């Protein structure tokens, strides 16, 4: 992607060119609204926490299931233990899911559930994506 002054930056670069780089916002900050109206900015902001592929998969899977175990999610997302743990912890810290741990015999079982806040965040995210699709098709 070209930037001012002709410099080129990859969109996922840690330095400049990424989301929030020009505005000085943190990397997880929301993108600009789809429509220009300032009043809609809060409702139309893209939730960068959910937008990441693994986290979107986790939230989506939990939205259609009452609960899923760590191993269920790991298999669905086709990811490693460490990767799933990191993403699930970020969602838990945001209040989007709950994590409960127990033992069945001597085997640990970790179970995740989507919270009300997580469901609302997913609904806002989906609404925003639908608006982007509509705006793109209208051109």
N, C-alpha and C. Protein backbone atom coordinates (compact mmCIF):
# COMPACT_ATOMS: atom_id res chain seq x y z
N UNK A 1 0.84 -1.18 0.00
CA UNK A 1 0.00 0.00 0.00
C UNK A 1 0.88 1.24 0.00
N UNK A 2 0.55 2.21 -0.81
CA UNK A 2 1.34 3.43 -0.85
C UNK A 2 0.91 4.36 0.25
N UNK A 3 1.90 5.05 0.84
CA UNK A 3 1.63 6.05 1.86
C UNK A 3 2.14 7.39 1.36
N UNK A 4 1.83 8.43 2.11
CA UNK A 4 2.32 9.76 1.76
C UNK A 4 3.83 9.71 1.61
N UNK A 5 4.36 10.38 0.62
CA UNK A 5 5.79 10.40 0.40
C UNK A 5 6.26 9.23 -0.45
N UNK A 6 5.34 8.40 -0.94
CA UNK A 6 5.68 7.31 -1.84
C UNK A 6 6.16 6.04 -1.16
N UNK A 7 6.26 6.02 0.17
CA UNK A 7 6.71 4.81 0.87
C UNK A 7 5.65 3.74 0.75
N UNK A 8 6.07 2.51 0.69
CA UNK A 8 5.15 1.39 0.58
C UNK A 8 5.19 0.61 1.87
N UNK A 9 4.02 0.22 2.36
CA UNK A 9 3.93 -0.53 3.61
C UNK A 9 2.94 -1.66 3.45
N UNK A 10 3.26 -2.79 3.99
CA UNK A 10 2.35 -3.93 3.98
C UNK A 10 1.25 -3.67 5.00
N UNK A 11 -0.03 -3.99 4.71
CA UNK A 11 -1.12 -3.69 5.63
C UNK A 11 -0.99 -4.36 6.99
N UNK A 12 -0.26 -5.44 7.11
CA UNK A 12 -0.12 -6.10 8.40
C UNK A 12 1.19 -5.72 9.11
N UNK A 13 1.88 -4.78 8.56
CA UNK A 13 3.16 -4.36 9.12
C UNK A 13 2.98 -3.82 10.52
N UNK A 14 3.92 -4.11 11.41
CA UNK A 14 3.89 -3.60 12.78
C UNK A 14 4.20 -2.12 12.80
N UNK A 15 4.96 -1.62 11.82
CA UNK A 15 5.34 -0.22 11.78
C UNK A 15 4.63 0.47 10.62
N UNK A 16 3.75 1.37 10.94
CA UNK A 16 3.10 2.20 9.92
C UNK A 16 2.29 1.41 8.92
N UNK A 17 1.28 2.06 8.37
CA UNK A 17 0.48 1.49 7.31
C UNK A 17 -0.63 0.59 7.79
N UNK A 18 -0.56 0.10 9.00
CA UNK A 18 -1.59 -0.79 9.52
C UNK A 18 -2.76 -0.01 10.07
N UNK A 19 -3.76 -0.71 10.61
CA UNK A 19 -4.93 -0.06 11.17
C UNK A 19 -4.53 0.85 12.31
N UNK A 20 -4.98 2.07 12.27
CA UNK A 20 -4.73 3.01 13.34
C UNK A 20 -3.38 3.70 13.26
N UNK A 21 -2.51 3.33 12.32
CA UNK A 21 -1.17 3.88 12.27
C UNK A 21 -1.18 5.38 11.98
N UNK A 22 -1.97 5.80 11.01
CA UNK A 22 -1.98 7.20 10.63
C UNK A 22 -2.64 8.06 11.70
N UNK A 23 -3.62 7.52 12.40
CA UNK A 23 -4.35 8.30 13.39
C UNK A 23 -3.70 8.26 14.76
N UNK A 24 -2.70 7.39 14.93
CA UNK A 24 -2.08 7.26 16.23
C UNK A 24 -2.87 6.38 17.17
N UNK A 25 -3.92 5.75 16.69
CA UNK A 25 -4.74 4.86 17.51
C UNK A 25 -4.03 3.54 17.71
N UNK A 26 -4.35 2.82 18.79
CA UNK A 26 -3.75 1.51 18.98
C UNK A 26 -4.23 0.54 17.90
N UNK A 27 -3.46 -0.53 17.63
CA UNK A 27 -3.81 -1.46 16.56
C UNK A 27 -5.20 -2.07 16.70
N UNK A 28 -5.74 -2.20 17.91
CA UNK A 28 -7.07 -2.79 18.10
C UNK A 28 -8.20 -1.79 17.98
N UNK A 29 -7.88 -0.54 17.65
CA UNK A 29 -8.91 0.50 17.58
C UNK A 29 -9.86 0.24 16.42
N UNK A 30 -11.06 0.79 16.53
CA UNK A 30 -12.08 0.61 15.50
C UNK A 30 -11.72 1.37 14.23
N UNK A 31 -12.16 0.84 13.09
CA UNK A 31 -11.97 1.51 11.80
C UNK A 31 -13.05 2.57 11.64
N UNK A 32 -12.90 3.39 10.64
CA UNK A 32 -13.87 4.44 10.36
C UNK A 32 -15.22 3.83 10.00
N UNK A 33 -16.30 4.55 10.24
CA UNK A 33 -17.62 4.03 9.91
C UNK A 33 -17.80 3.85 8.41
N UNK A 34 -18.72 2.95 8.05
CA UNK A 34 -19.00 2.70 6.64
C UNK A 34 -19.65 3.93 6.03
N UNK A 35 -20.62 4.49 6.71
CA UNK A 35 -21.32 5.66 6.22
C UNK A 35 -20.71 6.88 6.88
N UNK A 36 -20.79 8.02 6.25
CA UNK A 36 -20.11 9.21 6.72
C UNK A 36 -20.71 9.86 7.95
N UNK A 37 -21.90 9.53 8.34
CA UNK A 37 -22.56 10.21 9.45
C UNK A 37 -21.84 9.96 10.77
N UNK A 38 -21.47 11.04 11.47
CA UNK A 38 -20.78 10.91 12.75
C UNK A 38 -21.67 10.22 13.78
N UNK A 39 -22.96 10.43 13.73
CA UNK A 39 -23.87 9.85 14.71
C UNK A 39 -23.82 8.32 14.66
N UNK A 40 -23.49 7.76 13.52
CA UNK A 40 -23.47 6.31 13.38
C UNK A 40 -22.09 5.72 13.68
N UNK A 41 -21.10 6.55 13.93
CA UNK A 41 -19.73 6.09 14.07
C UNK A 41 -19.59 5.00 15.14
N UNK A 42 -20.19 5.18 16.30
CA UNK A 42 -20.06 4.18 17.35
C UNK A 42 -20.69 2.86 16.96
N UNK A 43 -21.89 2.90 16.40
CA UNK A 43 -22.59 1.67 16.03
C UNK A 43 -21.96 1.01 14.82
N UNK A 44 -21.32 1.80 13.96
CA UNK A 44 -20.80 1.26 12.71
C UNK A 44 -19.31 0.92 12.77
N UNK A 45 -18.67 1.12 13.91
CA UNK A 45 -17.24 0.84 14.02
C UNK A 45 -16.99 -0.66 14.00
N UNK A 46 -15.98 -1.06 13.26
CA UNK A 46 -15.61 -2.46 13.16
C UNK A 46 -14.88 -2.88 14.43
N UNK A 47 -15.32 -3.94 15.06
CA UNK A 47 -14.69 -4.45 16.27
C UNK A 47 -13.46 -5.25 15.88
N UNK A 48 -12.29 -4.64 16.02
CA UNK A 48 -11.04 -5.29 15.62
C UNK A 48 -10.74 -6.53 16.45
N UNK A 49 -11.25 -6.59 17.67
CA UNK A 49 -11.03 -7.76 18.51
C UNK A 49 -11.68 -8.99 17.88
N UNK A 50 -12.86 -8.84 17.36
CA UNK A 50 -13.57 -9.96 16.73
C UNK A 50 -13.11 -10.18 15.29
N UNK A 51 -12.66 -9.14 14.63
CA UNK A 51 -12.32 -9.22 13.21
C UNK A 51 -11.20 -10.22 12.91
N UNK A 52 -10.31 -10.46 13.84
CA UNK A 52 -9.21 -11.41 13.62
C UNK A 52 -9.80 -12.79 13.37
N UNK A 53 -9.25 -13.53 12.41
CA UNK A 53 -9.84 -14.77 11.91
C UNK A 53 -10.14 -15.80 13.01
N UNK A 54 -9.19 -16.12 13.85
CA UNK A 54 -9.42 -17.15 14.87
C UNK A 54 -10.48 -16.69 15.86
N UNK A 55 -10.41 -15.41 16.28
CA UNK A 55 -11.38 -14.91 17.26
C UNK A 55 -12.78 -14.86 16.67
N UNK A 56 -12.90 -14.49 15.41
CA UNK A 56 -14.21 -14.49 14.75
C UNK A 56 -14.75 -15.92 14.69
N UNK A 57 -13.88 -16.87 14.41
CA UNK A 57 -14.29 -18.27 14.39
C UNK A 57 -14.77 -18.76 15.74
N UNK A 58 -14.05 -18.38 16.79
CA UNK A 58 -14.43 -18.79 18.16
C UNK A 58 -15.79 -18.21 18.51
N UNK A 59 -15.95 -16.92 18.31
CA UNK A 59 -17.22 -16.25 18.67
C UNK A 59 -18.37 -16.80 17.83
N UNK A 60 -18.14 -17.02 16.54
CA UNK A 60 -19.18 -17.56 15.67
C UNK A 60 -19.58 -18.98 16.08
N UNK A 61 -18.59 -19.81 16.38
CA UNK A 61 -18.88 -21.19 16.80
C UNK A 61 -19.67 -21.21 18.11
N UNK A 62 -19.30 -20.32 19.03
CA UNK A 62 -20.00 -20.27 20.31
C UNK A 62 -21.40 -19.67 20.17
N UNK A 63 -21.61 -18.85 19.15
CA UNK A 63 -22.93 -18.24 18.93
C UNK A 63 -23.96 -19.29 18.52
N UNK A 64 -23.52 -20.37 17.90
CA UNK A 64 -24.46 -21.40 17.44
C UNK A 64 -24.38 -22.68 18.28
N UNK A 65 -23.59 -22.65 19.34
CA UNK A 65 -23.48 -23.78 20.27
C UNK A 65 -23.61 -23.24 21.68
N UNK A 66 -24.28 -23.99 22.54
CA UNK A 66 -24.43 -23.57 23.93
C UNK A 66 -23.07 -23.41 24.58
N UNK A 67 -22.19 -24.36 24.37
CA UNK A 67 -20.83 -24.34 24.92
C UNK A 67 -19.97 -25.26 24.07
N UNK A 68 -18.66 -24.99 24.08
CA UNK A 68 -17.71 -25.86 23.38
C UNK A 68 -16.47 -26.04 24.25
N UNK A 69 -15.89 -27.22 24.17
CA UNK A 69 -14.67 -27.48 24.92
C UNK A 69 -13.47 -26.91 24.16
N UNK A 70 -12.37 -26.82 24.88
CA UNK A 70 -11.13 -26.36 24.27
C UNK A 70 -10.79 -27.22 23.06
N UNK A 71 -10.87 -28.54 23.22
CA UNK A 71 -10.54 -29.44 22.11
C UNK A 71 -11.49 -29.30 20.93
N UNK A 72 -12.78 -29.06 21.21
CA UNK A 72 -13.75 -28.83 20.13
C UNK A 72 -13.34 -27.60 19.31
N UNK A 73 -13.04 -26.51 20.02
CA UNK A 73 -12.65 -25.28 19.33
C UNK A 73 -11.32 -25.44 18.59
N UNK A 74 -10.40 -26.14 19.21
CA UNK A 74 -9.09 -26.35 18.57
C UNK A 74 -9.27 -27.09 17.25
N UNK A 75 -10.12 -28.10 17.25
CA UNK A 75 -10.37 -28.87 16.03
C UNK A 75 -11.11 -28.02 15.00
N UNK A 76 -12.13 -27.28 15.43
CA UNK A 76 -12.89 -26.43 14.50
C UNK A 76 -12.02 -25.36 13.85
N UNK A 77 -11.15 -24.74 14.65
CA UNK A 77 -10.32 -23.65 14.16
C UNK A 77 -9.05 -24.15 13.48
N UNK A 78 -8.77 -25.43 13.63
CA UNK A 78 -7.56 -26.05 13.07
C UNK A 78 -6.33 -25.23 13.47
N UNK A 79 -6.16 -25.06 14.78
CA UNK A 79 -5.06 -24.26 15.30
C UNK A 79 -4.37 -25.01 16.44
N UNK A 80 -3.33 -24.42 16.96
CA UNK A 80 -2.56 -25.04 18.04
C UNK A 80 -3.14 -24.68 19.39
N UNK A 81 -2.73 -25.42 20.41
CA UNK A 81 -3.16 -25.13 21.79
C UNK A 81 -2.80 -23.70 22.17
N UNK A 82 -1.55 -23.32 21.93
CA UNK A 82 -1.08 -21.99 22.33
C UNK A 82 -1.83 -20.88 21.61
N UNK A 83 -2.06 -21.03 20.32
CA UNK A 83 -2.76 -20.02 19.54
C UNK A 83 -4.20 -19.86 20.04
N UNK A 84 -4.87 -20.97 20.25
CA UNK A 84 -6.25 -20.91 20.74
C UNK A 84 -6.30 -20.28 22.13
N UNK A 85 -5.36 -20.64 22.99
CA UNK A 85 -5.33 -20.10 24.35
C UNK A 85 -5.20 -18.58 24.34
N UNK A 86 -4.30 -18.07 23.52
CA UNK A 86 -4.06 -16.62 23.45
C UNK A 86 -5.32 -15.90 22.97
N UNK A 87 -5.93 -16.40 21.90
CA UNK A 87 -7.11 -15.74 21.36
C UNK A 87 -8.31 -15.84 22.31
N UNK A 88 -8.49 -16.99 22.92
CA UNK A 88 -9.60 -17.16 23.86
C UNK A 88 -9.42 -16.25 25.07
N UNK A 89 -8.19 -16.10 25.54
CA UNK A 89 -7.93 -15.22 26.69
C UNK A 89 -8.27 -13.78 26.35
N UNK A 90 -7.93 -13.32 25.15
CA UNK A 90 -8.27 -11.94 24.74
C UNK A 90 -9.78 -11.74 24.73
N UNK A 91 -10.51 -12.72 24.23
CA UNK A 91 -11.97 -12.63 24.21
C UNK A 91 -12.54 -12.67 25.62
N UNK A 92 -11.95 -13.48 26.48
CA UNK A 92 -12.39 -13.56 27.88
C UNK A 92 -12.12 -12.24 28.60
N UNK A 93 -10.95 -11.66 28.39
CA UNK A 93 -10.61 -10.38 29.02
C UNK A 93 -11.54 -9.27 28.57
N UNK A 94 -12.04 -9.35 27.35
CA UNK A 94 -12.98 -8.36 26.81
C UNK A 94 -14.40 -8.60 27.31
N UNK A 95 -14.62 -9.73 27.98
CA UNK A 95 -15.96 -10.06 28.47
C UNK A 95 -16.84 -10.71 27.43
N UNK A 96 -16.26 -11.18 26.32
CA UNK A 96 -17.04 -11.78 25.24
C UNK A 96 -17.32 -13.26 25.46
N UNK A 97 -16.51 -13.92 26.26
CA UNK A 97 -16.78 -15.32 26.57
C UNK A 97 -16.34 -15.64 27.98
N UNK A 98 -16.88 -16.74 28.49
CA UNK A 98 -16.48 -17.23 29.81
C UNK A 98 -15.77 -18.56 29.62
N UNK A 99 -14.88 -18.82 30.54
CA UNK A 99 -14.10 -20.05 30.52
C UNK A 99 -14.26 -20.73 31.86
N UNK A 100 -14.65 -22.00 31.84
CA UNK A 100 -14.74 -22.76 33.09
C UNK A 100 -13.88 -24.01 32.94
N UNK A 101 -13.18 -24.33 34.03
CA UNK A 101 -12.29 -25.50 34.02
C UNK A 101 -12.73 -26.46 35.11
N UNK A 102 -12.70 -27.72 34.75
CA UNK A 102 -13.07 -28.77 35.71
C UNK A 102 -12.32 -30.04 35.34
N UNK A 103 -12.44 -31.04 36.16
CA UNK A 103 -11.83 -32.33 35.88
C UNK A 103 -12.92 -33.38 35.72
N UNK A 104 -12.75 -34.24 34.74
CA UNK A 104 -13.58 -35.44 34.59
C UNK A 104 -12.62 -36.59 34.86
N UNK A 105 -12.72 -37.11 36.07
CA UNK A 105 -11.72 -38.07 36.51
C UNK A 105 -10.41 -37.33 36.70
N UNK A 106 -9.41 -37.70 36.00
CA UNK A 106 -8.12 -37.01 36.08
C UNK A 106 -7.85 -36.15 34.84
N UNK A 107 -8.83 -36.07 33.98
CA UNK A 107 -8.67 -35.33 32.72
C UNK A 107 -9.26 -33.92 32.87
N UNK A 108 -8.44 -32.89 32.62
CA UNK A 108 -8.97 -31.52 32.69
C UNK A 108 -9.88 -31.22 31.50
N UNK A 109 -10.95 -30.51 31.76
CA UNK A 109 -11.90 -30.09 30.72
C UNK A 109 -12.08 -28.58 30.82
N UNK A 110 -11.81 -27.90 29.73
CA UNK A 110 -12.01 -26.45 29.66
C UNK A 110 -13.17 -26.21 28.72
N UNK A 111 -14.14 -25.42 29.19
CA UNK A 111 -15.35 -25.17 28.41
C UNK A 111 -15.55 -23.67 28.25
N UNK A 112 -15.94 -23.28 27.05
CA UNK A 112 -16.18 -21.86 26.75
C UNK A 112 -17.64 -21.64 26.41
N UNK A 113 -18.14 -20.47 26.82
CA UNK A 113 -19.50 -20.04 26.50
C UNK A 113 -19.46 -18.57 26.09
N UNK A 114 -20.31 -18.21 25.16
CA UNK A 114 -20.42 -16.83 24.72
C UNK A 114 -21.26 -16.06 25.74
N UNK A 115 -20.83 -14.87 26.11
CA UNK A 115 -21.60 -14.04 27.04
C UNK A 115 -22.59 -13.18 26.25
N UNK A 116 -23.48 -12.51 26.97
CA UNK A 116 -24.40 -11.57 26.33
C UNK A 116 -23.65 -10.46 25.60
N UNK A 117 -22.58 -9.97 26.24
CA UNK A 117 -21.77 -8.92 25.61
C UNK A 117 -21.09 -9.45 24.34
N UNK A 118 -20.67 -10.70 24.37
CA UNK A 118 -20.05 -11.30 23.19
C UNK A 118 -21.03 -11.46 22.06
N UNK A 119 -22.25 -11.85 22.39
CA UNK A 119 -23.29 -12.01 21.37
C UNK A 119 -23.63 -10.65 20.74
N UNK A 120 -23.75 -9.60 21.58
CA UNK A 120 -24.04 -8.26 21.07
C UNK A 120 -22.90 -7.75 20.20
N UNK A 121 -21.67 -8.02 20.61
CA UNK A 121 -20.51 -7.59 19.83
C UNK A 121 -20.51 -8.28 18.46
N UNK A 122 -20.84 -9.56 18.43
CA UNK A 122 -20.90 -10.29 17.16
C UNK A 122 -22.01 -9.73 16.28
N UNK A 123 -23.16 -9.42 16.87
CA UNK A 123 -24.27 -8.85 16.10
C UNK A 123 -23.89 -7.50 15.51
N UNK A 124 -23.20 -6.65 16.30
CA UNK A 124 -22.73 -5.35 15.78
C UNK A 124 -21.74 -5.55 14.64
N UNK A 125 -20.83 -6.50 14.83
CA UNK A 125 -19.82 -6.79 13.81
C UNK A 125 -20.49 -7.25 12.51
N UNK A 126 -21.44 -8.17 12.62
CA UNK A 126 -22.13 -8.68 11.44
C UNK A 126 -22.93 -7.57 10.75
N UNK A 127 -23.56 -6.71 11.54
CA UNK A 127 -24.30 -5.58 10.97
C UNK A 127 -23.35 -4.68 10.19
N UNK A 128 -22.19 -4.42 10.75
CA UNK A 128 -21.21 -3.58 10.08
C UNK A 128 -20.75 -4.22 8.76
N UNK A 129 -20.47 -5.50 8.80
CA UNK A 129 -20.03 -6.20 7.59
C UNK A 129 -21.13 -6.19 6.52
N UNK A 130 -22.39 -6.37 6.95
CA UNK A 130 -23.50 -6.31 6.00
C UNK A 130 -23.59 -4.92 5.37
N UNK A 131 -23.36 -3.89 6.17
CA UNK A 131 -23.38 -2.51 5.64
C UNK A 131 -22.26 -2.30 4.64
N UNK A 132 -21.10 -2.86 4.92
CA UNK A 132 -19.98 -2.76 3.97
C UNK A 132 -20.32 -3.44 2.64
N UNK A 133 -20.93 -4.59 2.73
CA UNK A 133 -21.33 -5.32 1.52
C UNK A 133 -22.34 -4.52 0.72
N UNK A 134 -23.35 -3.98 1.41
CA UNK A 134 -24.37 -3.17 0.73
C UNK A 134 -23.74 -1.95 0.07
N UNK A 135 -22.85 -1.26 0.79
CA UNK A 135 -22.22 -0.06 0.24
C UNK A 135 -21.36 -0.41 -0.97
N UNK A 136 -20.70 -1.53 -0.92
CA UNK A 136 -19.85 -1.96 -2.04
C UNK A 136 -20.70 -2.31 -3.26
N UNK A 137 -21.79 -2.99 -3.04
CA UNK A 137 -22.66 -3.38 -4.16
C UNK A 137 -23.39 -2.19 -4.75
N UNK A 138 -23.61 -1.15 -3.95
CA UNK A 138 -24.33 0.02 -4.43
C UNK A 138 -23.49 0.86 -5.38
N UNK A 139 -22.19 0.64 -5.39
CA UNK A 139 -21.29 1.45 -6.26
C UNK A 139 -21.37 1.02 -7.66
